[in-house]
Protein backbone atom coordinates (compact mmCIF):
# COMPACT_ATOMS: atom_id res chain seq x y z
CA MET A 1 -53.15 170.86 111.55
CA GLU A 2 -51.98 167.15 111.86
CA THR A 3 -49.90 168.50 115.21
CA SER A 4 -53.24 169.69 116.50
CA GLN A 5 -54.69 166.78 116.02
CA ILE A 6 -52.76 163.94 117.54
CA SER A 7 -52.54 166.73 120.75
CA GLN A 8 -56.17 166.17 120.91
CA VAL A 9 -55.55 162.38 120.71
CA ARG A 10 -52.52 162.87 123.41
CA ASP A 11 -54.78 164.78 125.86
CA TRP A 12 -57.70 162.39 125.68
CA PHE A 13 -55.66 159.13 126.45
CA GLU A 14 -53.87 160.77 129.31
CA SER A 15 -57.57 161.65 130.52
CA ASN A 16 -59.15 158.30 130.01
CA LYS A 17 -56.26 155.57 129.82
CA MET A 18 -57.13 154.09 133.61
CA ASN A 19 -60.34 153.58 132.28
CA LEU A 20 -59.12 151.20 129.29
CA GLY A 21 -57.23 148.71 131.08
CA VAL A 22 -57.88 145.54 132.91
CA PRO A 23 -61.10 145.56 134.77
CA GLU A 24 -60.71 145.15 138.60
CA ARG A 25 -60.30 141.04 139.37
CA GLY A 26 -58.78 141.33 135.81
CA SER A 27 -56.50 138.19 136.32
CA ASN A 28 -59.23 135.95 137.72
CA TYR A 29 -61.32 136.72 134.70
CA ARG A 30 -58.17 136.73 132.24
CA THR A 31 -57.46 133.35 133.40
CA GLU A 32 -61.18 131.85 133.25
CA SER A 33 -61.85 133.33 129.81
CA GLN A 34 -62.31 131.17 127.00
CA GLU A 35 -60.68 134.33 124.90
CA LEU A 36 -56.95 134.53 123.68
CA ILE A 37 -55.73 137.18 126.24
CA LEU A 38 -51.95 138.43 126.51
CA PRO A 39 -50.84 139.35 129.78
CA PHE A 40 -51.49 143.28 130.08
CA PHE A 41 -49.00 145.74 129.93
CA GLU A 42 -49.34 149.94 130.22
CA LYS A 43 -48.91 151.43 126.83
CA GLU A 44 -47.18 154.53 126.14
CA PRO A 45 -47.82 155.77 122.48
CA ASP A 46 -44.93 157.39 120.96
CA TRP A 47 -46.68 160.55 120.05
CA ASP A 48 -44.12 161.69 117.30
CA GLN A 49 -44.38 158.69 115.13
CA PHE A 50 -48.22 158.43 113.89
CA HIS A 51 -50.14 157.67 110.65
CA HIS A 52 -53.01 159.63 110.23
CA TYR A 53 -56.03 158.10 107.57
CA TYR A 54 -59.71 157.44 107.55
CA PHE A 55 -61.52 154.33 107.45
CA PRO A 56 -63.89 153.71 103.95
CA ASP A 57 -66.87 154.53 106.61
CA GLY A 58 -65.66 158.11 107.22
CA ARG A 59 -64.06 157.50 110.70
CA GLU A 60 -60.42 158.92 111.33
CA VAL A 61 -57.66 156.98 112.43
CA PHE A 62 -54.47 158.39 114.48
CA GLU A 63 -51.93 154.88 114.44
CA THR A 64 -48.77 155.12 116.59
CA SER A 65 -45.99 153.98 117.38
CA LEU A 66 -45.86 152.23 120.95
CA GLU A 67 -42.59 152.82 122.48
CA ASN A 68 -42.89 150.26 125.18
CA ALA A 69 -39.93 147.79 125.16
CA ILE A 70 -42.38 145.05 125.41
CA LYS A 71 -43.18 142.67 122.47
CA TYR A 72 -45.34 140.22 121.91
CA PHE A 73 -44.43 137.74 118.90
CA PRO A 74 -45.28 134.41 117.36
CA VAL A 75 -42.56 131.93 118.34
CA GLU A 76 -42.45 130.87 114.94
CA MET A 77 -40.70 134.37 114.04
CA SER A 78 -37.61 132.83 115.85
CA GLU A 79 -37.35 129.73 113.41
CA THR A 80 -37.93 131.95 110.54
CA PHE A 81 -35.73 134.82 111.95
CA SER A 82 -32.80 132.50 112.94
CA GLY A 83 -30.35 134.64 115.03
CA GLN A 84 -32.14 137.64 115.23
CA ASN A 85 -34.68 139.37 117.57
CA PRO A 86 -38.26 139.37 116.43
CA SER A 87 -38.79 141.89 118.71
CA GLU A 88 -36.65 144.26 116.60
CA ILE A 89 -38.26 142.88 113.23
CA MET A 90 -41.64 143.06 114.50
CA ILE A 91 -44.07 146.51 114.47
CA GLN A 92 -46.20 147.30 116.98
CA ASN A 93 -48.52 150.30 117.17
CA ILE A 94 -51.42 151.70 118.69
CA MET A 95 -54.87 153.06 116.81
CA PHE A 96 -57.15 155.51 118.10
CA VAL A 97 -60.35 155.12 115.84
CA ARG A 98 -62.56 158.34 116.30
CA HIS A 99 -66.20 157.46 117.44
CA ALA A 100 -68.76 158.50 115.12
CA SER A 101 -70.68 160.64 116.61
CA LEU A 102 -69.37 160.84 120.30
CA ASP A 103 -66.31 162.67 121.27
CA GLN A 104 -64.22 159.79 122.00
CA PHE A 105 -61.81 157.27 120.63
CA ASN A 106 -61.70 153.26 120.14
CA VAL A 107 -58.55 152.14 120.86
CA VAL A 108 -57.03 149.04 119.25
CA LEU A 109 -53.62 147.30 118.53
CA ALA A 110 -51.67 146.46 115.70
CA ARG A 111 -48.74 143.77 115.24
CA TYR A 112 -47.47 143.41 112.38
CA TYR A 113 -45.44 140.23 112.10
CA PRO A 114 -43.42 140.07 108.71
CA GLY A 115 -43.13 136.30 107.33
CA ASP A 116 -39.79 136.31 105.00
CA GLU A 117 -36.47 138.95 105.26
CA ALA A 118 -37.63 140.72 102.49
CA SER A 119 -40.96 141.93 103.98
CA LYS A 120 -38.91 143.70 107.39
CA VAL A 121 -40.28 147.01 106.87
CA GLY A 122 -40.04 150.14 109.15
CA PHE A 123 -43.07 152.13 110.87
CA ASP A 124 -43.39 154.47 107.80
CA GLU A 125 -43.83 151.91 105.57
CA ILE A 126 -46.56 150.06 106.91
CA SER A 127 -50.12 150.94 108.63
CA TYR A 128 -53.43 149.37 108.88
CA ASN A 129 -54.38 151.15 105.48
CA GLN A 130 -51.42 150.60 103.61
CA ILE A 131 -49.91 146.96 103.52
CA PRO A 132 -46.78 147.14 101.14
CA ILE A 133 -47.26 145.54 97.88
CA LEU A 134 -44.82 142.46 98.16
CA TRP A 135 -45.09 142.33 102.26
CA THR A 136 -45.73 138.81 103.57
CA GLY A 137 -46.66 138.06 107.33
CA ARG A 138 -49.53 138.85 109.60
CA LEU A 139 -51.48 141.33 111.24
CA GLU A 140 -52.94 140.72 114.25
CA MET A 141 -55.47 143.18 116.41
CA PHE A 142 -55.87 143.13 120.14
CA THR A 143 -57.93 145.41 122.39
CA TYR A 144 -56.30 147.57 124.54
CA ASP A 145 -56.37 145.17 127.25
CA GLU A 146 -55.02 142.39 125.02
CA ARG A 147 -57.57 140.39 123.83
CA PHE A 148 -57.03 139.04 120.62
CA PHE A 149 -59.83 140.39 117.88
CA VAL A 150 -58.83 139.36 114.64
CA GLY A 151 -55.48 138.18 112.43
CA PHE A 152 -54.97 138.67 108.73
CA GLN A 153 -52.84 136.43 106.65
CA PHE A 154 -50.80 138.22 103.84
CA LYS A 155 -48.74 137.10 101.18
CA GLU A 156 -46.91 139.74 98.60
CA GLY A 157 -49.20 141.92 99.46
CA GLU A 158 -52.39 139.78 99.11
CA LEU A 159 -54.89 139.54 101.78
CA LEU A 160 -55.33 135.75 102.17
CA SER A 161 -57.09 135.00 104.80
CA SER A 162 -58.63 136.03 108.45
CA TYR A 163 -58.86 134.13 111.45
CA THR A 164 -59.57 134.18 114.83
CA ARG A 165 -58.17 132.39 118.17
CA ALA A 166 -59.71 130.71 121.68
CA VAL A 167 -58.28 128.59 124.42
CA TYR A 168 -57.82 124.79 123.99
CA GLU A 169 -58.65 122.77 127.16
CA GLY A 170 -57.90 119.62 126.34
CA ASP A 171 -60.08 116.83 124.23
CA LYS A 172 -63.50 118.30 124.78
CA LYS A 173 -66.04 116.86 121.95
CA LYS A 174 -69.07 118.65 121.20
CA SER A 175 -71.92 116.38 120.23
CA GLN A 176 -72.93 116.24 116.69
CA ALA A 177 -76.46 114.93 117.19
CA GLY A 178 -79.04 116.50 115.57
CA MET A 179 -76.63 119.05 113.41
CA ASP A 180 -77.77 119.56 109.93
CA VAL A 181 -74.03 121.00 109.11
CA ARG A 182 -71.12 119.27 110.75
CA CYS A 183 -67.48 121.01 110.91
CA LEU A 184 -64.45 120.24 112.06
CA THR A 185 -62.37 121.57 114.56
CA THR A 186 -58.52 121.60 113.90
CA PHE A 187 -56.09 121.74 117.08
CA PHE A 188 -52.88 123.42 116.25
CA PRO A 189 -50.38 124.81 118.50
CA VAL A 190 -49.66 128.93 118.48
CA GLY A 191 -46.68 130.05 120.85
CA TYR A 192 -46.39 133.84 121.79
CA GLU A 193 -43.06 135.22 123.47
CA VAL A 194 -42.66 138.33 125.17
CA CYS A 195 -39.91 140.30 125.42
CA SER A 196 -38.59 143.23 127.35
CA PRO A 197 -35.03 144.48 128.18
CA GLY A 198 -32.68 141.24 128.16
CA ASP A 199 -35.21 138.78 128.89
CA CYS A 200 -37.37 136.95 126.34
CA HIS A 201 -39.95 133.70 127.18
CA GLN A 202 -42.66 131.87 125.85
CA VAL A 203 -46.07 132.83 127.71
CA ILE A 204 -48.95 131.34 125.83
CA GLU A 205 -48.36 127.55 124.72
CA ARG A 206 -51.78 126.52 122.77
CA TYR A 207 -54.83 127.93 121.20
CA ILE A 208 -57.64 126.58 118.75
CA SER A 209 -58.20 127.92 115.37
C-alpha cells in the first residue's frame, strides 16, 4: 500500500516541481527580501527512503530523503565536529504534506543538525514526528524555494524553544516612542555553509534573532 502511495507522491512531484521553484526575477527578489533565503538548488527526492505518518490534525505526510549532494548547515557544526564533514552528519529531508481538501501537497524541507557526537543518527532513526529520546540538536524548516520557516532547538529529546530568522542590515534602530511594551532585539552572527562534491564554502554571514 505504501509503495503505491509514494508512487502517487512521486508522480505529483514530477508533474508540479517546475511550479515549486524560484519565481521569475527570483534572484532580485531574494536579494532584496528581508527573509533568510538560502540559494536555491534543484531537489531530487530519494523515493526508496521515506517515512509515512500523519499530523495530529489528520493530514498525511511523506518525508523522504534528499539524494542531492548539496547541503546547507550552520558553520558552528564545523567547530562541534572538528575534523569531520558536517554534510555527512546532518539529515536533509523533503516533506510532502497532503492538502486537507485539494488533490495536492504542501512541500517543506527539514534539516536535522545534531549538536553532539551522541546525536549523530541515520535517516531511519529520525523524522519530524519522531525525534529520538536523547537527541540534542536543531531542526530547521525551509520552504521548497529555501525560505527559512521555523527552527526548533532540542536537548536530550526535549523541545527547548522555537525560533525564526531575518536579515540583519546594519545598526538600524526603531523608535520606541509611544510603545507600551519595549522589546530588546539581539543581533548575533549565524553562518551557513554549502557543501557540494569536493567544495565547501560559507554563503550566509549574519542574521537577527
